């Protein structure tokens, strides 16, 4: 599984959240900072383990893997990523 964005979207930071703007479909999506960072890394070149490597610190890989997978599934349900 190598997730990639379904399309490039404009974005803005609003306090502690990020707003993704789909001008073509007149939609916006609000992401927390971690979900935004995961979305930004979804370029089709990294698999789940690569993403875990980016976010894991001090051997917390299982927790990070679970969190990243949950975020990816949420992003997929919003049609923001595909794999």
PDB file of N, CA and C in Angstrom:
ATOM      1  N   UNK A   1       0.842  -1.171   0.000  1.00  0.00           N
ATOM      2  CA  UNK A   1       0.000   0.000   0.000  1.00  0.00           C
ATOM      3  C   UNK A   1       0.892   1.241   0.000  1.00  0.00           C
ATOM      4  N   UNK A   2       0.772   2.032  -1.051  1.00  0.00           N
ATOM      5  CA  UNK A   2       1.503   3.297  -1.151  1.00  0.00           C
ATOM      6  C   UNK A   2       0.483   4.401  -1.380  1.00  0.00           C
ATOM      7  N   UNK A   3      -0.011   4.979  -0.287  1.00  0.00           N
ATOM      8  CA  UNK A   3      -1.049   5.994  -0.433  1.00  0.00           C
ATOM      9  C   UNK A   3      -0.556   7.230  -1.173  1.00  0.00           C
ATOM     10  N   UNK A   4      -1.475   7.812  -1.944  1.00  0.00           N
ATOM     11  CA  UNK A   4      -1.171   9.070  -2.623  1.00  0.00           C
ATOM     12  C   UNK A   4      -2.414   9.946  -2.585  1.00  0.00           C
ATOM     13  N   UNK A   5      -2.172  11.235  -2.639  1.00  0.00           N
ATOM     14  CA  UNK A   5      -3.281  12.180  -2.645  1.00  0.00           C
ATOM     15  C   UNK A   5      -4.127  11.946  -3.897  1.00  0.00           C
ATOM     16  N   UNK A   6      -5.425  12.118  -3.773  1.00  0.00           N
ATOM     17  CA  UNK A   6      -6.287  12.003  -4.945  1.00  0.00           C
ATOM     18  C   UNK A   6      -6.096  13.201  -5.867  1.00  0.00           C
ATOM     19  N   UNK A   7      -5.731  14.343  -5.290  1.00  0.00           N
ATOM     20  CA  UNK A   7      -5.363  15.535  -6.059  1.00  0.00           C
ATOM     21  C   UNK A   7      -4.660  16.505  -5.136  1.00  0.00           C
ATOM     22  N   UNK A   8      -3.902  17.389  -5.723  1.00  0.00           N
ATOM     23  CA  UNK A   8      -3.254  18.432  -4.935  1.00  0.00           C
ATOM     24  C   UNK A   8      -4.297  19.483  -4.591  1.00  0.00           C
ATOM     25  N   UNK A   9      -4.337  19.878  -3.339  1.00  0.00           N
ATOM     26  CA  UNK A   9      -5.289  20.879  -2.885  1.00  0.00           C
ATOM     27  C   UNK A   9      -4.550  22.049  -2.261  1.00  0.00           C
ATOM     28  N   UNK A  10      -5.137  23.210  -2.367  1.00  0.00           N
ATOM     29  CA  UNK A  10      -4.608  24.351  -1.635  1.00  0.00           C
ATOM     30  C   UNK A  10      -4.902  24.126  -0.159  1.00  0.00           C
ATOM     31  N   UNK A  11      -4.105  24.727   0.698  1.00  0.00           N
ATOM     32  CA  UNK A  11      -4.334  24.575   2.132  1.00  0.00           C
ATOM     33  C   UNK A  11      -3.947  25.846   2.867  1.00  0.00           C
ATOM     34  N   UNK A  12      -4.545  25.985   4.056  1.00  0.00           N
ATOM     35  CA  UNK A  12      -4.247  27.099   4.946  1.00  0.00           C
ATOM     36  C   UNK A  12      -4.194  26.578   6.369  1.00  0.00           C
ATOM     37  N   UNK A  13      -3.302  27.144   7.157  1.00  0.00           N
ATOM     38  CA  UNK A  13      -3.285  26.826   8.581  1.00  0.00           C
ATOM     39  C   UNK A  13      -4.177  27.828   9.297  1.00  0.00           C
ATOM     40  N   UNK A  14      -5.079  27.301  10.111  1.00  0.00           N
ATOM     41  CA  UNK A  14      -5.973  28.139  10.912  1.00  0.00           C
ATOM     42  C   UNK A  14      -5.816  27.723  12.372  1.00  0.00           C
ATOM     43  N   UNK A  15      -4.937  28.384  13.082  1.00  0.00           N
ATOM     44  CA  UNK A  15      -4.670  27.999  14.464  1.00  0.00           C
ATOM     45  C   UNK A  15      -4.022  26.627  14.510  1.00  0.00           C
ATOM     46  N   UNK A  16      -4.674  25.681  15.187  1.00  0.00           N
ATOM     47  CA  UNK A  16      -4.138  24.330  15.342  1.00  0.00           C
ATOM     48  C   UNK A  16      -4.644  23.348  14.306  1.00  0.00           C
ATOM     49  N   UNK A  17      -5.394  23.810  13.309  1.00  0.00           N
ATOM     50  CA  UNK A  17      -5.921  22.919  12.280  1.00  0.00           C
ATOM     51  C   UNK A  17      -5.508  23.419  10.900  1.00  0.00           C
ATOM     52  N   UNK A  18      -5.670  22.543   9.931  1.00  0.00           N
ATOM     53  CA  UNK A  18      -5.360  22.868   8.549  1.00  0.00           C
ATOM     54  C   UNK A  18      -6.611  22.687   7.710  1.00  0.00           C
ATOM     55  N   UNK A  19      -6.847  23.651   6.855  1.00  0.00           N
ATOM     56  CA  UNK A  19      -7.996  23.638   5.976  1.00  0.00           C
ATOM     57  C   UNK A  19      -7.523  23.293   4.571  1.00  0.00           C
ATOM     58  N   UNK A  20      -8.015  22.178   4.026  1.00  0.00           N
ATOM     59  CA  UNK A  20      -7.730  21.812   2.640  1.00  0.00           C
ATOM     60  C   UNK A  20      -8.868  22.351   1.786  1.00  0.00           C
ATOM     61  N   UNK A  21      -8.515  22.974   0.684  1.00  0.00           N
ATOM     62  CA  UNK A  21      -9.503  23.652  -0.151  1.00  0.00           C
ATOM     63  C   UNK A  21      -9.535  23.016  -1.528  1.00  0.00           C
ATOM     64  N   UNK A  22     -10.688  22.435  -1.863  1.00  0.00           N
ATOM     65  CA  UNK A  22     -10.914  21.841  -3.180  1.00  0.00           C
ATOM     66  C   UNK A  22     -11.796  22.812  -3.960  1.00  0.00           C
ATOM     67  N   UNK A  23     -11.164  23.713  -4.698  1.00  0.00           N
ATOM     68  CA  UNK A  23     -11.906  24.744  -5.435  1.00  0.00           C
ATOM     69  C   UNK A  23     -12.727  24.147  -6.571  1.00  0.00           C
ATOM     70  N   UNK A  24     -12.230  23.067  -7.151  1.00  0.00           N
ATOM     71  CA  UNK A  24     -12.933  22.441  -8.266  1.00  0.00           C
ATOM     72  C   UNK A  24     -14.314  21.930  -7.840  1.00  0.00           C
ATOM     73  N   UNK A  25     -14.397  21.343  -6.651  1.00  0.00           N
ATOM     74  CA  UNK A  25     -15.660  20.785  -6.158  1.00  0.00           C
ATOM     75  C   UNK A  25     -16.310  21.648  -5.076  1.00  0.00           C
ATOM     76  N   UNK A  26     -15.722  22.819  -4.818  1.00  0.00           N
ATOM     77  CA  UNK A  26     -16.253  23.745  -3.823  1.00  0.00           C
ATOM     78  C   UNK A  26     -16.434  23.071  -2.455  1.00  0.00           C
ATOM     79  N   UNK A  27     -15.376  22.357  -2.016  1.00  0.00           N
ATOM     80  CA  UNK A  27     -15.396  21.667  -0.726  1.00  0.00           C
ATOM     81  C   UNK A  27     -14.180  22.080   0.086  1.00  0.00           C
ATOM     82  N   UNK A  28     -14.322  21.979   1.403  1.00  0.00           N
ATOM     83  CA  UNK A  28     -13.191  22.163   2.294  1.00  0.00           C
ATOM     84  C   UNK A  28     -13.141  20.997   3.273  1.00  0.00           C
ATOM     85  N   UNK A  29     -11.958  20.711   3.750  1.00  0.00           N
ATOM     86  CA  UNK A  29     -11.728  19.636   4.712  1.00  0.00           C
ATOM     87  C   UNK A  29     -10.849  20.190   5.817  1.00  0.00           C
ATOM     88  N   UNK A  30     -11.203  19.906   7.051  1.00  0.00           N
ATOM     89  CA  UNK A  30     -10.427  20.363   8.198  1.00  0.00           C
ATOM     90  C   UNK A  30      -9.674  19.181   8.791  1.00  0.00           C
ATOM     91  N   UNK A  31      -8.358  19.318   8.888  1.00  0.00           N
ATOM     92  CA  UNK A  31      -7.508  18.258   9.436  1.00  0.00           C
ATOM     93  C   UNK A  31      -6.730  18.768  10.631  1.00  0.00           C
ATOM     94  N   UNK A  32      -6.534  17.887  11.615  1.00  0.00           N
ATOM     95  CA  UNK A  32      -5.627  18.231  12.709  1.00  0.00           C
ATOM     96  C   UNK A  32      -4.197  18.189  12.159  1.00  0.00           C
ATOM     97  N   UNK A  33      -3.271  18.692  12.937  1.00  0.00           N
ATOM     98  CA  UNK A  33      -1.888  18.831  12.464  1.00  0.00           C
ATOM     99  C   UNK A  33      -1.262  17.504  12.059  1.00  0.00           C
ATOM    100  N   UNK A  34      -1.484  16.441  12.819  1.00  0.00           N
ATOM    101  CA  UNK A  34      -0.871  15.148  12.502  1.00  0.00           C
ATOM    102  C   UNK A  34      -1.480  14.573  11.223  1.00  0.00           C
ATOM    103  N   UNK A  35      -2.790  14.651  11.083  1.00  0.00           N
ATOM    104  CA  UNK A  35      -3.437  14.168   9.862  1.00  0.00           C
ATOM    105  C   UNK A  35      -2.936  14.944   8.653  1.00  0.00           C
ATOM    106  N   UNK A  36      -2.749  16.238   8.820  1.00  0.00           N
ATOM    107  CA  UNK A  36      -2.219  17.059   7.728  1.00  0.00           C
ATOM    108  C   UNK A  36      -0.813  16.608   7.341  1.00  0.00           C
ATOM    109  N   UNK A  37       0.042  16.370   8.341  1.00  0.00           N
ATOM    110  CA  UNK A  37       1.406  15.916   8.050  1.00  0.00           C
ATOM    111  C   UNK A  37       1.401  14.572   7.321  1.00  0.00           C
ATOM    112  N   UNK A  38       0.519  13.661   7.726  1.00  0.00           N
ATOM    113  CA  UNK A  38       0.411  12.374   7.033  1.00  0.00           C
ATOM    114  C   UNK A  38      -0.056  12.613   5.600  1.00  0.00           C
ATOM    115  N   UNK A  39      -1.092  13.427   5.409  1.00  0.00           N
ATOM    116  CA  UNK A  39      -1.607  13.723   4.069  1.00  0.00           C
ATOM    117  C   UNK A  39      -0.507  14.304   3.177  1.00  0.00           C
ATOM    118  N   UNK A  40       0.301  15.207   3.731  1.00  0.00           N
ATOM    119  CA  UNK A  40       1.375  15.823   2.949  1.00  0.00           C
ATOM    120  C   UNK A  40       2.389  14.783   2.458  1.00  0.00           C
ATOM    121  N   UNK A  41       2.579  13.709   3.211  1.00  0.00           N
ATOM    122  CA  UNK A  41       3.553  12.682   2.836  1.00  0.00           C
ATOM    123  C   UNK A  41       3.008  11.680   1.818  1.00  0.00           C
ATOM    124  N   UNK A  42       1.729  11.739   1.530  1.00  0.00           N
ATOM    125  CA  UNK A  42       1.097  10.759   0.631  1.00  0.00           C
ATOM    126  C   UNK A  42       1.342  11.146  -0.820  1.00  0.00           C
ATOM    127  N   UNK A  43       2.511  10.747  -1.325  1.00  0.00           N
ATOM    128  CA  UNK A  43       2.894  11.082  -2.693  1.00  0.00           C
ATOM    129  C   UNK A  43       3.001   9.850  -3.590  1.00  0.00           C
ATOM    130  N   UNK A  44       2.594   8.697  -3.064  1.00  0.00           N
ATOM    131  CA  UNK A  44       2.635   7.463  -3.849  1.00  0.00           C
ATOM    132  C   UNK A  44       3.974   6.757  -3.824  1.00  0.00           C
ATOM    133  N   UNK A  45       4.968   7.345  -3.173  1.00  0.00           N
ATOM    134  CA  UNK A  45       6.294   6.718  -3.136  1.00  0.00           C
ATOM    135  C   UNK A  45       6.572   6.011  -1.811  1.00  0.00           C
ATOM    136  N   UNK A  46       5.758   6.297  -0.795  1.00  0.00           N
ATOM    137  CA  UNK A  46       5.998   5.742   0.540  1.00  0.00           C
ATOM    138  C   UNK A  46       4.894   4.755   0.903  1.00  0.00           C
ATOM    139  N   UNK A  47       5.308   3.610   1.466  1.00  0.00           N
ATOM    140  CA  UNK A  47       4.305   2.669   1.972  1.00  0.00           C
ATOM    141  C   UNK A  47       4.079   2.955   3.463  1.00  0.00           C
ATOM    142  N   UNK A  48       3.217   2.173   4.070  1.00  0.00           N
ATOM    143  CA  UNK A  48       2.868   2.386   5.475  1.00  0.00           C
ATOM    144  C   UNK A  48       4.109   2.387   6.360  1.00  0.00           C
ATOM    145  N   UNK A  49       5.019   1.449   6.140  1.00  0.00           N
ATOM    146  CA  UNK A  49       6.223   1.367   6.980  1.00  0.00           C
ATOM    147  C   UNK A  49       7.100   2.603   6.819  1.00  0.00           C
ATOM    148  N   UNK A  50       7.167   3.144   5.604  1.00  0.00           N
ATOM    149  CA  UNK A  50       7.930   4.381   5.399  1.00  0.00           C
ATOM    150  C   UNK A  50       7.325   5.529   6.202  1.00  0.00           C
ATOM    151  N   UNK A  51       5.991   5.606   6.196  1.00  0.00           N
ATOM    152  CA  UNK A  51       5.316   6.654   6.958  1.00  0.00           C
ATOM    153  C   UNK A  51       5.539   6.462   8.455  1.00  0.00           C
ATOM    154  N   UNK A  52       5.490   5.224   8.910  1.00  0.00           N
ATOM    155  CA  UNK A  52       5.748   4.938  10.321  1.00  0.00           C
ATOM    156  C   UNK A  52       7.171   5.377  10.676  1.00  0.00           C
ATOM    157  N   UNK A  53       8.129   5.098   9.809  1.00  0.00           N
ATOM    158  CA  UNK A  53       9.518   5.511  10.045  1.00  0.00           C
ATOM    159  C   UNK A  53       9.623   7.027  10.240  1.00  0.00           C
ATOM    160  N   UNK A  54       8.833   7.787   9.493  1.00  0.00           N
ATOM    161  CA  UNK A  54       8.887   9.243   9.600  1.00  0.00           C
ATOM    162  C   UNK A  54       8.406   9.754  10.957  1.00  0.00           C
ATOM    163  N   UNK A  55       7.433   9.053  11.546  1.00  0.00           N
ATOM    164  CA  UNK A  55       6.794   9.559  12.760  1.00  0.00           C
ATOM    165  C   UNK A  55       7.190   8.815  14.034  1.00  0.00           C
ATOM    166  N   UNK A  56       7.795   7.653  13.922  1.00  0.00           N
ATOM    167  CA  UNK A  56       8.133   6.846  15.102  1.00  0.00           C
ATOM    168  C   UNK A  56       9.359   7.416  15.821  1.00  0.00           C
ATOM    169  N   UNK A  57       9.273   7.429  17.141  1.00  0.00           N
ATOM    170  CA  UNK A  57      10.368   7.902  17.981  1.00  0.00           C
ATOM    171  C   UNK A  57      10.535   6.913  19.134  1.00  0.00           C
ATOM    172  N   UNK A  58      11.765   6.526  19.406  1.00  0.00           N
ATOM    173  CA  UNK A  58      12.080   5.691  20.577  1.00  0.00           C
ATOM    174  C   UNK A  58      11.280   4.396  20.648  1.00  0.00           C
ATOM    175  N   UNK A  59      11.157   3.707  19.521  1.00  0.00           N
ATOM    176  CA  UNK A  59      10.565   2.383  19.539  1.00  0.00           C
ATOM    177  C   UNK A  59       9.058   2.312  19.711  1.00  0.00           C
ATOM    178  N   UNK A  60       8.344   3.370  19.399  1.00  0.00           N
ATOM    179  CA  UNK A  60       6.889   3.348  19.543  1.00  0.00           C
ATOM    180  C   UNK A  60       6.191   2.982  18.229  1.00  0.00           C
ATOM    181  N   UNK A  61       6.810   2.128  17.446  1.00  0.00           N
ATOM    182  CA  UNK A  61       6.326   1.809  16.096  1.00  0.00           C
ATOM    183  C   UNK A  61       4.911   1.232  16.074  1.00  0.00           C
ATOM    184  N   UNK A  62       4.572   0.365  17.002  1.00  0.00           N
ATOM    185  CA  UNK A  62       3.235  -0.241  16.981  1.00  0.00           C
ATOM    186  C   UNK A  62       2.146   0.806  17.174  1.00  0.00           C
ATOM    187  N   UNK A  63       2.371   1.711  18.105  1.00  0.00           N
ATOM    188  CA  UNK A  63       1.402   2.774  18.359  1.00  0.00           C
ATOM    189  C   UNK A  63       1.312   3.696  17.147  1.00  0.00           C
ATOM    190  N   UNK A  64       2.447   4.071  16.607  1.00  0.00           N
ATOM    191  CA  UNK A  64       2.475   4.963  15.449  1.00  0.00           C
ATOM    192  C   UNK A  64       1.836   4.283  14.237  1.00  0.00           C
ATOM    193  N   UNK A  65       2.129   3.009  14.013  1.00  0.00           N
ATOM    194  CA  UNK A  65       1.546   2.281  12.883  1.00  0.00           C
ATOM    195  C   UNK A  65       0.025   2.301  12.966  1.00  0.00           C
ATOM    196  N   UNK A  66      -0.495   2.021  14.138  1.00  0.00           N
ATOM    197  CA  UNK A  66      -1.939   2.021  14.339  1.00  0.00           C
ATOM    198  C   UNK A  66      -2.531   3.409  14.084  1.00  0.00           C
ATOM    199  N   UNK A  67      -1.881   4.443  14.601  1.00  0.00           N
ATOM    200  CA  UNK A  67      -2.377   5.811  14.424  1.00  0.00           C
ATOM    201  C   UNK A  67      -2.323   6.236  12.962  1.00  0.00           C
ATOM    202  N   UNK A  68      -1.212   5.959  12.283  1.00  0.00           N
ATOM    203  CA  UNK A  68      -1.078   6.341  10.874  1.00  0.00           C
ATOM    204  C   UNK A  68      -2.097   5.588  10.019  1.00  0.00           C
ATOM    205  N   UNK A  69      -2.278   4.310  10.286  1.00  0.00           N
ATOM    206  CA  UNK A  69      -3.262   3.541   9.534  1.00  0.00           C
ATOM    207  C   UNK A  69      -4.667   4.109   9.736  1.00  0.00           C
ATOM    208  N   UNK A  70      -5.002   4.469  10.961  1.00  0.00           N
ATOM    209  CA  UNK A  70      -6.299   5.070  11.248  1.00  0.00           C
ATOM    210  C   UNK A  70      -6.466   6.392  10.498  1.00  0.00           C
ATOM    211  N   UNK A  71      -5.433   7.206  10.505  1.00  0.00           N
ATOM    212  CA  UNK A  71      -5.468   8.478   9.779  1.00  0.00           C
ATOM    213  C   UNK A  71      -5.642   8.230   8.288  1.00  0.00           C
ATOM    214  N   UNK A  72      -4.887   7.284   7.721  1.00  0.00           N
ATOM    215  CA  UNK A  72      -5.009   6.979   6.295  1.00  0.00           C
ATOM    216  C   UNK A  72      -6.414   6.503   5.934  1.00  0.00           C
ATOM    217  N   UNK A  73      -6.993   5.679   6.781  1.00  0.00           N
ATOM    218  CA  UNK A  73      -8.348   5.204   6.517  1.00  0.00           C
ATOM    219  C   UNK A  73      -9.340   6.355   6.554  1.00  0.00           C
ATOM    220  N   UNK A  74      -9.145   7.292   7.486  1.00  0.00           N
ATOM    221  CA  UNK A  74     -10.004   8.471   7.551  1.00  0.00           C
ATOM    222  C   UNK A  74      -9.829   9.337   6.306  1.00  0.00           C
ATOM    223  N   UNK A  75      -8.578   9.557   5.904  1.00  0.00           N
ATOM    224  CA  UNK A  75      -8.322  10.347   4.702  1.00  0.00           C
ATOM    225  C   UNK A  75      -8.924   9.678   3.466  1.00  0.00           C
ATOM    226  N   UNK A  76      -8.854   8.358   3.407  1.00  0.00           N
ATOM    227  CA  UNK A  76      -9.452   7.629   2.291  1.00  0.00           C
ATOM    228  C   UNK A  76     -10.963   7.798   2.293  1.00  0.00           C
ATOM    229  N   UNK A  77     -11.592   7.728   3.471  1.00  0.00           N
ATOM    230  CA  UNK A  77     -13.045   7.882   3.544  1.00  0.00           C
ATOM    231  C   UNK A  77     -13.488   9.274   3.099  1.00  0.00           C
ATOM    232  N   UNK A  78     -12.603  10.260   3.219  1.00  0.00           N
ATOM    233  CA  UNK A  78     -12.879  11.611   2.757  1.00  0.00           C
ATOM    234  C   UNK A  78     -12.503  11.813   1.292  1.00  0.00           C
ATOM    235  N   UNK A  79     -11.991  10.756   0.663  1.00  0.00           N
ATOM    236  CA  UNK A  79     -11.531  10.780  -0.725  1.00  0.00           C
ATOM    237  C   UNK A  79     -10.352  11.740  -0.914  1.00  0.00           C
ATOM    238  N   UNK A  80      -9.505  11.836   0.103  1.00  0.00           N
ATOM    239  CA  UNK A  80      -8.309  12.673   0.024  1.00  0.00           C
ATOM    240  C   UNK A  80      -7.071  11.882  -0.353  1.00  0.00           C
ATOM    241  N   UNK A  81      -7.093  10.561  -0.105  1.00  0.00           N
ATOM    242  CA  UNK A  81      -6.001   9.682  -0.535  1.00  0.00           C
ATOM    243  C   UNK A  81      -6.594   8.410  -1.114  1.00  0.00           C
ATOM    244  N   UNK A  82      -5.765   7.729  -1.872  1.00  0.00           N
ATOM    245  CA  UNK A  82      -6.129   6.411  -2.424  1.00  0.00           C
ATOM    246  C   UNK A  82      -4.893   5.529  -2.413  1.00  0.00           C
ATOM    247  N   UNK A  83      -5.125   4.229  -2.487  1.00  0.00           N
ATOM    248  CA  UNK A  83      -4.031   3.263  -2.613  1.00  0.00           C
ATOM    249  C   UNK A  83      -4.533   2.012  -3.255  1.00  0.00           C
TER     250      UNK A  83
END
